[in-house]
Structures are given as structure tokens and as C-alpha cells.
Amino acid sequence: MVDRGDHCVGGVAGDDGRQHAPSIAQAWNQPRAERVLVIVNILKIEPTAKWIRGITGDRTVVDTKAAQLVWEHEYYPHWYIPVADVHDPALPTTTIDELPGHVKIEFADIERWFEEDEEVFVHPRDPYRRVDAQPSSRHVVVEVDGVVVADSANPTILYETGLPPRYYLPVTDVRTEHLTPTETSTGCPYKGFARYWTVDVGHGPHTDLAWGYDEPLPESAPVKSLICFYNERVALTIDGERLGVAATTEDR
């Protein structure tokens, strides 16, 4: 599972919705009706100075210092790569009229992506999205079905642009006897890969109600090995005040 937004893009070209050209450079020179196209409402385009590489196996199939960031929806940008910097003609690509000579390659079509020498996961990172994970002495109480499952005066609060605060708690402050690990895993390019727990206090299971990061990415390092509960699926009290329902259930 990845961050929301992937479902917003749809492509049209040929009978099957995506046409594989024999050569990327030739593909751009094909008649408009034969190109690989994507229909989107472009929100914003801007260049990035970062060195972007895509590696599959032992081959560097994308290598550019001239990528463009394109926001096709509000959640995160895509990289559009100069045609000359794509070195695998078999890669499926899409184009937009606003950036002639550039192509988009779906993130999942390349095994590993890098900004400079740092690997990027799930999708390109938004330069306008910030993550701050700050230690706090706020008193956080989490209740599920009327039972206290966590009580902590030592939370780490993760603030992420556009999202509600998330309260990450030490394992020692969580009643882990009510938590059962699940097979669910989700990825975030700012935090890393999360694992999940179902919570059951005796009134039925709440699947994937809590999550945590065993090996978070550097910018989210303070939440390592802590446990967080969905604000909007529990009774959450902060410094004696019941918290209102958070705005989203889609981002961890």
C-alpha cells in the first residue's frame, strides 16, 4: 500500500491504453495519436536541481540532472525525465504536451530510485512537504472500547504538512497485551515502511489500528520503534482534553 493519489492518473494510447514504442526517442517523434499519452490536469511544473537515477538490476536506466517535477494531483509530484536521459527503450513511458521532450516512467517500473545518493521509496518526494518529529511532555491517553490501551507523558509528535499530528508512544507506555501483529505493511517516502497491530480489548478486534516504524527514514528517526494509534479510530485525550476526529485516515 502506498500514499494516496496513485489512482488519479489514467493513460490513453492505442487500443490497450498504453503503447510500447521501439525507441524512446522515436516514440516522441511519432504522430500524436501514436504517442504514449496521459490525460491529467497539471497543477504545477517546476525543475529540480537534484540528480535523479533509476536502477534496475545492475543497470542505470535513468540518469538525469535535468528532471522536472510535475504535480498531476495534490498529493505528490512525478518526475518527468528528458528523453535523452532514459537508457532503456523498453520502459513504458507517458508524456504531456506541457513538457515536450520529457517522459514519465511509473515509479514501480524501476527497481530502485535515487535522489543524489539517497534511495527514494514509494514515490518522488514533495519539496514542499515537511516532516518534524518532536519529543514532547504532553500527557497522551488512548482508549479503545472504553479501555485505556496507552498512557504516556513521553510522546513523540510527528507533524507532517497537510496532515493531523500523530502521537507516537514508547512501547513501555502501551498495553501491548491487547496488540496482535498483522501482515499489513505500508510505505511512505518521508517515514519509511510501517508495520501494524490489531487491537482487541475484549469487545472485538480493531484491525490495523496501531502502527510503527522499526527502521524509519532519517527525517523521521525519532519515531523509531514507537507505536502510534489512529486519532480518528480511538478516544484520544491530550493533557486532559479529548481530541476531535483527525481529518484523514489515509496517511500514516
C-alpha atoms as a PDB file:
ATOM      1  CA  MET A   1       0.000   0.000   0.000  1.00  0.00           C
ATOM      2  CA  VAL A   2       1.328   3.456  -0.836  1.00  0.00           C
ATOM      3  CA  ASP A   3       0.373   7.038  -0.192  1.00  0.00           C
ATOM      4  CA  ARG A   4      -2.900   8.121  -1.749  1.00  0.00           C
ATOM      5  CA  GLY A   5      -3.003   9.679  -5.188  1.00  0.00           C
ATOM      6  CA  ASP A   6      -1.867   6.822  -7.478  1.00  0.00           C
ATOM      7  CA  HIS A   7      -5.430   6.235  -8.618  1.00  0.00           C
ATOM      8  CA  CYS A   8      -5.692   9.755 -10.037  1.00  0.00           C
ATOM      9  CA  VAL A   9      -3.751   9.052 -13.220  1.00  0.00           C
ATOM     10  CA  GLY A  10      -5.142   7.366 -16.302  1.00  0.00           C
ATOM     11  CA  GLY A  11      -3.497   6.852 -19.676  1.00  0.00           C
ATOM     12  CA  VAL A  12      -4.741   6.586 -23.249  1.00  0.00           C
ATOM     13  CA  ALA A  13      -2.818   5.382 -26.282  1.00  0.00           C
ATOM     14  CA  GLY A  14      -3.734   2.760 -28.847  1.00  0.00           C
ATOM     15  CA  ASP A  15      -6.267   0.024 -28.138  1.00  0.00           C
ATOM     16  CA  ASP A  16      -4.815  -1.208 -24.849  1.00  0.00           C
ATOM     17  CA  GLY A  17      -4.331   2.166 -23.131  1.00  0.00           C
ATOM     18  CA  ARG A  18      -0.531   2.102 -23.240  1.00  0.00           C
ATOM     19  CA  GLN A  19       1.699   1.764 -26.258  1.00  0.00           C
ATOM     20  CA  HIS A  20       5.254   0.432 -26.051  1.00  0.00           C
ATOM     21  CA  ALA A  21       7.427   2.187 -28.620  1.00  0.00           C
ATOM     22  CA  PRO A  22      10.540   0.502 -30.014  1.00  0.00           C
ATOM     23  CA  SER A  23      12.638   3.541 -29.137  1.00  0.00           C
ATOM     24  CA  ILE A  24      12.003   6.293 -26.615  1.00  0.00           C
ATOM     25  CA  ALA A  25      13.405   8.952 -28.917  1.00  0.00           C
ATOM     26  CA  GLN A  26      11.393   7.598 -31.844  1.00  0.00           C
ATOM     27  CA  ALA A  27       8.297   7.487 -29.680  1.00  0.00           C
ATOM     28  CA  TRP A  28       8.422  11.232 -29.181  1.00  0.00           C
ATOM     29  CA  ASN A  29       8.628  11.757 -32.947  1.00  0.00           C
ATOM     30  CA  GLN A  30       5.645   9.549 -33.695  1.00  0.00           C
ATOM     31  CA  PRO A  31       2.330  11.148 -34.697  1.00  0.00           C
ATOM     32  CA  ARG A  32       0.405  12.494 -31.763  1.00  0.00           C
ATOM     33  CA  ALA A  33      -2.206   9.718 -31.895  1.00  0.00           C
ATOM     34  CA  GLU A  34       0.521   7.076 -31.615  1.00  0.00           C
ATOM     35  CA  ARG A  35       2.404   8.533 -28.660  1.00  0.00           C
ATOM     36  CA  VAL A  36       2.041   7.294 -25.119  1.00  0.00           C
ATOM     37  CA  LEU A  37      -0.140   9.958 -23.535  1.00  0.00           C
ATOM     38  CA  VAL A  38      -1.670  10.632 -20.157  1.00  0.00           C
ATOM     39  CA  ILE A  39      -4.718  12.780 -19.508  1.00  0.00           C
ATOM     40  CA  VAL A  40      -4.227  14.871 -16.389  1.00  0.00           C
ATOM     41  CA  ASN A  41      -4.934  18.319 -15.056  1.00  0.00           C
ATOM     42  CA  ILE A  42      -1.452  19.689 -14.427  1.00  0.00           C
ATOM     43  CA  LEU A  43      -1.385  21.671 -11.196  1.00  0.00           C
ATOM     44  CA  LYS A  44       2.242  22.774 -11.245  1.00  0.00           C
ATOM     45  CA  ILE A  45       5.556  22.163 -13.023  1.00  0.00           C
ATOM     46  CA  GLU A  46       8.983  23.153 -11.761  1.00  0.00           C
ATOM     47  CA  PRO A  47      12.562  21.992 -12.326  1.00  0.00           C
ATOM     48  CA  THR A  48      14.533  20.147  -9.684  1.00  0.00           C
ATOM     49  CA  ALA A  49      18.284  20.516  -9.242  1.00  0.00           C
ATOM     50  CA  LYS A  50      18.572  17.020  -7.770  1.00  0.00           C
ATOM     51  CA  TRP A  51      20.446  14.225  -9.531  1.00  0.00           C
ATOM     52  CA  ILE A  52      17.837  11.554 -10.263  1.00  0.00           C
ATOM     53  CA  ARG A  53      18.776   7.979 -11.126  1.00  0.00           C
ATOM     54  CA  GLY A  54      16.769   4.820 -11.659  1.00  0.00           C
ATOM     55  CA  ILE A  55      18.459   1.423 -11.384  1.00  0.00           C
ATOM     56  CA  THR A  56      17.100  -1.982 -12.332  1.00  0.00           C
ATOM     57  CA  GLY A  57      19.353  -4.931 -11.597  1.00  0.00           C
ATOM     58  CA  ASP A  58      22.870  -3.664 -12.250  1.00  0.00           C
ATOM     59  CA  ARG A  59      21.798  -1.209 -14.975  1.00  0.00           C
ATOM     60  CA  THR A  60      21.276   2.517 -14.584  1.00  0.00           C
ATOM     61  CA  VAL A  61      18.267   3.073 -16.825  1.00  0.00           C
ATOM     62  CA  VAL A  62      17.593   6.702 -15.855  1.00  0.00           C
ATOM     63  CA  ASP A  63      20.338   9.224 -15.125  1.00  0.00           C
ATOM     64  CA  THR A  64      19.477  12.914 -15.183  1.00  0.00           C
ATOM     65  CA  LYS A  65      20.301  16.247 -13.589  1.00  0.00           C
ATOM     66  CA  ALA A  66      17.516  17.970 -15.508  1.00  0.00           C
ATOM     67  CA  ALA A  67      14.299  16.367 -14.253  1.00  0.00           C
ATOM     68  CA  GLN A  68      11.062  18.295 -13.914  1.00  0.00           C
ATOM     69  CA  LEU A  69       8.649  17.898 -11.006  1.00  0.00           C
ATOM     70  CA  VAL A  70       5.044  17.691 -12.182  1.00  0.00           C
ATOM     71  CA  TRP A  71       2.056  17.747  -9.836  1.00  0.00           C
ATOM     72  CA  GLU A  72      -0.734  15.828 -11.567  1.00  0.00           C
ATOM     73  CA  HIS A  73      -2.740  15.839  -8.326  1.00  0.00           C
ATOM     74  CA  GLU A  74      -2.377  17.488  -4.932  1.00  0.00           C
ATOM     75  CA  TYR A  75      -0.646  14.678  -3.069  1.00  0.00           C
ATOM     76  CA  TYR A  76       2.876  14.446  -4.534  1.00  0.00           C
ATOM     77  CA  PRO A  77       4.801  15.168  -7.751  1.00  0.00           C
ATOM     78  CA  HIS A  78       6.048  12.883 -10.505  1.00  0.00           C
ATOM     79  CA  TRP A  79       9.433  13.088 -12.204  1.00  0.00           C
ATOM     80  CA  TYR A  80       9.453  13.884 -15.907  1.00  0.00           C
ATOM     81  CA  ILE A  81      12.798  12.909 -17.423  1.00  0.00           C
ATOM     82  CA  PRO A  82      14.470  14.261 -20.584  1.00  0.00           C
ATOM     83  CA  VAL A  83      14.179  11.612 -23.295  1.00  0.00           C
ATOM     84  CA  ALA A  84      17.960  11.587 -23.792  1.00  0.00           C
ATOM     85  CA  ASP A  85      18.463  10.603 -20.130  1.00  0.00           C
ATOM     86  CA  VAL A  86      16.352   7.432 -20.345  1.00  0.00           C
ATOM     87  CA  HIS A  87      18.545   4.493 -21.334  1.00  0.00           C
ATOM     88  CA  ASP A  88      16.099   1.601 -21.623  1.00  0.00           C
ATOM     89  CA  PRO A  89      13.876   1.791 -24.722  1.00  0.00           C
ATOM     90  CA  ALA A  90      11.648  -0.973 -23.353  1.00  0.00           C
ATOM     91  CA  LEU A  91      10.379   1.130 -20.439  1.00  0.00           C
ATOM     92  CA  PRO A  92       6.730   2.202 -20.751  1.00  0.00           C
ATOM     93  CA  THR A  93       6.501   5.989 -20.745  1.00  0.00           C
ATOM     94  CA  THR A  94       3.873   8.714 -20.784  1.00  0.00           C
ATOM     95  CA  THR A  95       4.078  12.301 -21.988  1.00  0.00           C
ATOM     96  CA  ILE A  96       2.282  15.608 -21.543  1.00  0.00           C
ATOM     97  CA  ASP A  97       2.075  18.493 -24.000  1.00  0.00           C
ATOM     98  CA  GLU A  98       3.380  20.923 -21.384  1.00  0.00           C
ATOM     99  CA  LEU A  99       6.823  19.245 -21.365  1.00  0.00           C
ATOM    100  CA  PRO A 100       7.908  18.274 -24.864  1.00  0.00           C
ATOM    101  CA  GLY A 101      10.968  16.052 -24.890  1.00  0.00           C
ATOM    102  CA  HIS A 102      10.256  14.678 -21.398  1.00  0.00           C
ATOM    103  CA  VAL A 103       8.683  11.405 -20.320  1.00  0.00           C
ATOM    104  CA  LYS A 104       7.283   9.987 -17.106  1.00  0.00           C
ATOM    105  CA  ILE A 105       8.181   6.475 -16.007  1.00  0.00           C
ATOM    106  CA  GLU A 106       5.971   4.896 -13.376  1.00  0.00           C
ATOM    107  CA  PHE A 107       7.845   4.584 -10.093  1.00  0.00           C
ATOM    108  CA  ALA A 108       7.139   0.855  -9.829  1.00  0.00           C
ATOM    109  CA  ASP A 109       8.585   0.142 -13.287  1.00  0.00           C
ATOM    110  CA  ILE A 110      12.140   0.677 -11.986  1.00  0.00           C
ATOM    111  CA  GLU A 111      13.541  -1.317  -9.072  1.00  0.00           C
ATOM    112  CA  ARG A 112      15.394   1.459  -7.222  1.00  0.00           C
ATOM    113  CA  TRP A 113      15.303   5.248  -7.456  1.00  0.00           C
ATOM    114  CA  PHE A 114      17.822   7.704  -6.031  1.00  0.00           C
ATOM    115  CA  GLU A 115      17.944  11.441  -5.332  1.00  0.00           C
ATOM    116  CA  GLU A 116      21.678  12.136  -5.268  1.00  0.00           C
ATOM    117  CA  ASP A 117      22.941   9.049  -3.365  1.00  0.00           C
ATOM    118  CA  GLU A 118      19.867   8.597  -1.158  1.00  0.00           C
ATOM    119  CA  GLU A 119      17.339   5.954  -2.123  1.00  0.00           C
ATOM    120  CA  VAL A 120      13.742   7.134  -2.526  1.00  0.00           C
ATOM    121  CA  PHE A 121      10.810   4.848  -1.747  1.00  0.00           C
ATOM    122  CA  VAL A 122       7.157   4.658  -2.881  1.00  0.00           C
ATOM    123  CA  HIS A 123       7.056   7.870  -4.976  1.00  0.00           C
ATOM    124  CA  PRO A 124       9.027  11.106  -5.524  1.00  0.00           C
ATOM    125  CA  ARG A 125       9.179  13.356  -2.504  1.00  0.00           C
ATOM    126  CA  ASP A 126       7.435  16.708  -2.468  1.00  0.00           C
ATOM    127  CA  PRO A 127       9.914  19.519  -1.688  1.00  0.00           C
ATOM    128  CA  TYR A 128       7.078  21.470  -0.055  1.00  0.00           C
ATOM    129  CA  ARG A 129       6.125  18.683   2.338  1.00  0.00           C
ATOM    130  CA  ARG A 130       7.885  18.705   5.685  1.00  0.00           C
ATOM    131  CA  VAL A 131       8.072  16.144   8.466  1.00  0.00           C
ATOM    132  CA  ASP A 132       9.004  17.163  12.026  1.00  0.00           C
ATOM    133  CA  ALA A 133       9.151  14.541  14.766  1.00  0.00           C
ATOM    134  CA  GLN A 134       9.478  16.281  18.113  1.00  0.00           C
ATOM    135  CA  PRO A 135       9.745  14.912  21.654  1.00  0.00           C
ATOM    136  CA  SER A 136       7.066  16.207  23.999  1.00  0.00           C
ATOM    137  CA  SER A 137       5.944  16.001  27.618  1.00  0.00           C
ATOM    138  CA  ARG A 138       2.236  16.172  26.786  1.00  0.00           C
ATOM    139  CA  HIS A 139       0.061  13.629  28.560  1.00  0.00           C
ATOM    140  CA  VAL A 140      -1.480  11.292  25.988  1.00  0.00           C
ATOM    141  CA  VAL A 141      -4.166   8.729  26.854  1.00  0.00           C
ATOM    142  CA  VAL A 142      -5.538   6.306  24.259  1.00  0.00           C
ATOM    143  CA  GLU A 143      -8.769   4.392  24.877  1.00  0.00           C
ATOM    144  CA  VAL A 144     -10.342   1.658  22.769  1.00  0.00           C
ATOM    145  CA  ASP A 145     -13.861   0.487  23.606  1.00  0.00           C
ATOM    146  CA  GLY A 146     -13.605   2.295  26.942  1.00  0.00           C
ATOM    147  CA  VAL A 147     -10.335   0.596  27.940  1.00  0.00           C
ATOM    148  CA  VAL A 148      -7.057   2.516  28.305  1.00  0.00           C
ATOM    149  CA  VAL A 149      -4.522   0.909  25.954  1.00  0.00           C
ATOM    150  CA  ALA A 150      -1.816   3.583  26.254  1.00  0.00           C
ATOM    151  CA  ASP A 151      -0.928   6.263  28.789  1.00  0.00           C
ATOM    152  CA  SER A 152       2.201   8.311  28.195  1.00  0.00           C
ATOM    153  CA  ALA A 153       3.836  11.563  29.262  1.00  0.00           C
ATOM    154  CA  ASN A 154       6.687  10.967  26.827  1.00  0.00           C
ATOM    155  CA  PRO A 155       5.226  11.034  23.307  1.00  0.00           C
ATOM    156  CA  THR A 156       7.000  11.974  20.117  1.00  0.00           C
ATOM    157  CA  ILE A 157       4.645  14.052  17.998  1.00  0.00           C
ATOM    158  CA  LEU A 158       5.048  13.791  14.244  1.00  0.00           C
ATOM    159  CA  TYR A 159       3.910  16.864  12.323  1.00  0.00           C
ATOM    160  CA  GLU A 160       3.593  16.356   8.569  1.00  0.00           C
ATOM    161  CA  THR A 161       2.493  19.096   6.181  1.00  0.00           C
ATOM    162  CA  GLY A 162      -1.228  18.894   5.466  1.00  0.00           C
ATOM    163  CA  LEU A 163      -1.910  16.087   7.943  1.00  0.00           C
ATOM    164  CA  PRO A 164      -3.043  15.940  11.579  1.00  0.00           C
ATOM    165  CA  PRO A 165      -0.388  15.418  14.269  1.00  0.00           C
ATOM    166  CA  ARG A 166       0.368  11.792  15.063  1.00  0.00           C
ATOM    167  CA  TYR A 167       1.286  10.766  18.596  1.00  0.00           C
ATOM    168  CA  TYR A 168       3.998   8.092  18.753  1.00  0.00           C
ATOM    169  CA  LEU A 169       4.324   6.441  22.161  1.00  0.00           C
ATOM    170  CA  PRO A 170       7.021   4.337  23.858  1.00  0.00           C
ATOM    171  CA  VAL A 171       6.238   0.630  23.901  1.00  0.00           C
ATOM    172  CA  THR A 172       6.555   0.678  27.697  1.00  0.00           C
ATOM    173  CA  ASP A 173       3.568   3.063  27.836  1.00  0.00           C
ATOM    174  CA  VAL A 174       1.358   0.813  25.705  1.00  0.00           C
ATOM    175  CA  ARG A 175      -0.602  -2.182  26.996  1.00  0.00           C
ATOM    176  CA  THR A 176       0.831  -4.497  24.375  1.00  0.00           C
ATOM    177  CA  GLU A 177      -1.160  -7.471  25.674  1.00  0.00           C
ATOM    178  CA  HIS A 178      -4.047  -6.005  23.662  1.00  0.00           C
ATOM    179  CA  LEU A 179      -1.999  -5.765  20.445  1.00  0.00           C
ATOM    180  CA  THR A 180      -1.504  -8.513  17.869  1.00  0.00           C
ATOM    181  CA  PRO A 181       0.856  -8.030  14.882  1.00  0.00           C
ATOM    182  CA  THR A 182      -0.685  -8.255  11.410  1.00  0.00           C
ATOM    183  CA  GLU A 183       0.810  -8.873   7.976  1.00  0.00           C
ATOM    184  CA  THR A 184      -0.026  -5.349   6.794  1.00  0.00           C
ATOM    185  CA  SER A 185       2.806  -3.108   5.642  1.00  0.00           C
ATOM    186  CA  THR A 186       2.646   0.349   4.080  1.00  0.00           C
ATOM    187  CA  GLY A 187       5.309   2.635   2.665  1.00  0.00           C
ATOM    188  CA  CYS A 188       5.905   6.369   2.895  1.00  0.00           C
ATOM    189  CA  PRO A 189       8.764   8.261   1.181  1.00  0.00           C
ATOM    190  CA  TYR A 190       9.185  10.503   4.241  1.00  0.00           C
ATOM    191  CA  LYS A 191       8.904   7.954   7.052  1.00  0.00           C
ATOM    192  CA  GLY A 192       9.705   4.510   5.655  1.00  0.00           C
ATOM    193  CA  PHE A 193       7.839   1.209   5.907  1.00  0.00           C
ATOM    194  CA  ALA A 194       5.334   0.668   8.705  1.00  0.00           C
ATOM    195  CA  ARG A 195       4.108  -2.499  10.377  1.00  0.00           C
ATOM    196  CA  TYR A 196       0.715  -2.832  12.068  1.00  0.00           C
ATOM    197  CA  TRP A 197      -1.133  -4.256  15.034  1.00  0.00           C
ATOM    198  CA  THR A 198      -4.761  -5.190  15.575  1.00  0.00           C
ATOM    199  CA  VAL A 199      -6.149  -4.048  18.937  1.00  0.00           C
ATOM    200  CA  ASP A 200      -8.668  -6.136  20.889  1.00  0.00           C
ATOM    201  CA  VAL A 201      -9.670  -5.317  24.469  1.00  0.00           C
ATOM    202  CA  GLY A 202     -12.343  -7.998  24.592  1.00  0.00           C
ATOM    203  CA  HIS A 203     -15.092  -6.399  22.510  1.00  0.00           C
ATOM    204  CA  GLY A 204     -13.895  -7.489  19.074  1.00  0.00           C
ATOM    205  CA  PRO A 205     -10.784  -6.740  17.003  1.00  0.00           C
ATOM    206  CA  HIS A 206      -9.911  -3.361  15.523  1.00  0.00           C
ATOM    207  CA  THR A 207      -7.769  -4.340  12.562  1.00  0.00           C
ATOM    208  CA  ASP A 208      -4.572  -2.369  11.882  1.00  0.00           C
ATOM    209  CA  LEU A 209      -5.457   0.227  14.495  1.00  0.00           C
ATOM    210  CA  ALA A 210      -1.837   0.859  15.506  1.00  0.00           C
ATOM    211  CA  TRP A 211       1.414   1.047  13.570  1.00  0.00           C
ATOM    212  CA  GLY A 212       5.100   1.748  13.981  1.00  0.00           C
ATOM    213  CA  TYR A 213       8.399   2.081  12.121  1.00  0.00           C
ATOM    214  CA  ASP A 214      11.244  -0.248  13.048  1.00  0.00           C
ATOM    215  CA  GLU A 215      13.672   1.450  10.651  1.00  0.00           C
ATOM    216  CA  PRO A 216      12.316   4.895   9.777  1.00  0.00           C
ATOM    217  CA  LEU A 217      13.984   7.123   7.221  1.00  0.00           C
ATOM    218  CA  PRO A 218      16.421   9.723   8.626  1.00  0.00           C
ATOM    219  CA  GLU A 219      13.970  12.639   8.766  1.00  0.00           C
ATOM    220  CA  SER A 220      11.588  10.536  10.884  1.00  0.00           C
ATOM    221  CA  ALA A 221      14.244   8.820  13.011  1.00  0.00           C
ATOM    222  CA  PRO A 222      12.774   9.991  16.365  1.00  0.00           C
ATOM    223  CA  VAL A 223       9.728   7.707  15.927  1.00  0.00           C
ATOM    224  CA  LYS A 224      11.857   4.559  15.652  1.00  0.00           C
ATOM    225  CA  SER A 225      10.245   1.604  17.478  1.00  0.00           C
ATOM    226  CA  LEU A 226       7.386   3.737  18.863  1.00  0.00           C
ATOM    227  CA  ILE A 227       3.685   2.914  18.496  1.00  0.00           C
ATOM    228  CA  CYS A 228       1.003   5.196  17.075  1.00  0.00           C
ATOM    229  CA  PHE A 229      -2.789   4.847  17.050  1.00  0.00           C
ATOM    230  CA  TYR A 230      -5.250   6.353  14.590  1.00  0.00           C
ATOM    231  CA  ASN A 231      -6.542   9.575  16.151  1.00  0.00           C
ATOM    232  CA  GLU A 232      -9.839   9.064  14.369  1.00  0.00           C
ATOM    233  CA  ARG A 233     -10.418   5.465  15.465  1.00  0.00           C
ATOM    234  CA  VAL A 234      -9.688   5.768  19.186  1.00  0.00           C
ATOM    235  CA  ALA A 235     -10.657   8.017  22.083  1.00  0.00           C
ATOM    236  CA  LEU A 236      -7.579  10.245  22.341  1.00  0.00           C
ATOM    237  CA  THR A 237      -7.082  12.615  25.263  1.00  0.00           C
ATOM    238  CA  ILE A 238      -4.234  15.152  25.263  1.00  0.00           C
ATOM    239  CA  ASP A 239      -3.445  16.990  28.507  1.00  0.00           C
ATOM    240  CA  GLY A 240      -6.922  16.204  29.800  1.00  0.00           C
ATOM    241  CA  GLU A 241      -8.737  17.401  26.680  1.00  0.00           C
ATOM    242  CA  ARG A 242     -10.499  14.977  24.349  1.00  0.00           C
ATOM    243  CA  LEU A 243      -9.129  15.392  20.824  1.00  0.00           C
ATOM    244  CA  GLY A 244     -11.502  15.853  17.907  1.00  0.00           C
ATOM    245  CA  VAL A 245     -11.512  13.425  14.999  1.00  0.00           C
ATOM    246  CA  ALA A 246      -8.499  13.846  12.730  1.00  0.00           C
ATOM    247  CA  ALA A 247      -9.002  14.947   9.150  1.00  0.00           C
ATOM    248  CA  THR A 248      -7.774  11.858   7.297  1.00  0.00           C
ATOM    249  CA  THR A 249      -7.424   8.116   7.632  1.00  0.00           C
ATOM    250  CA  GLU A 250      -5.182   7.616   4.628  1.00  0.00           C
ATOM    251  CA  ASP A 251      -1.706   8.713   5.750  1.00  0.00           C
ATOM    252  CA  ARG A 252       0.332   7.116   8.486  1.00  0.00           C
END
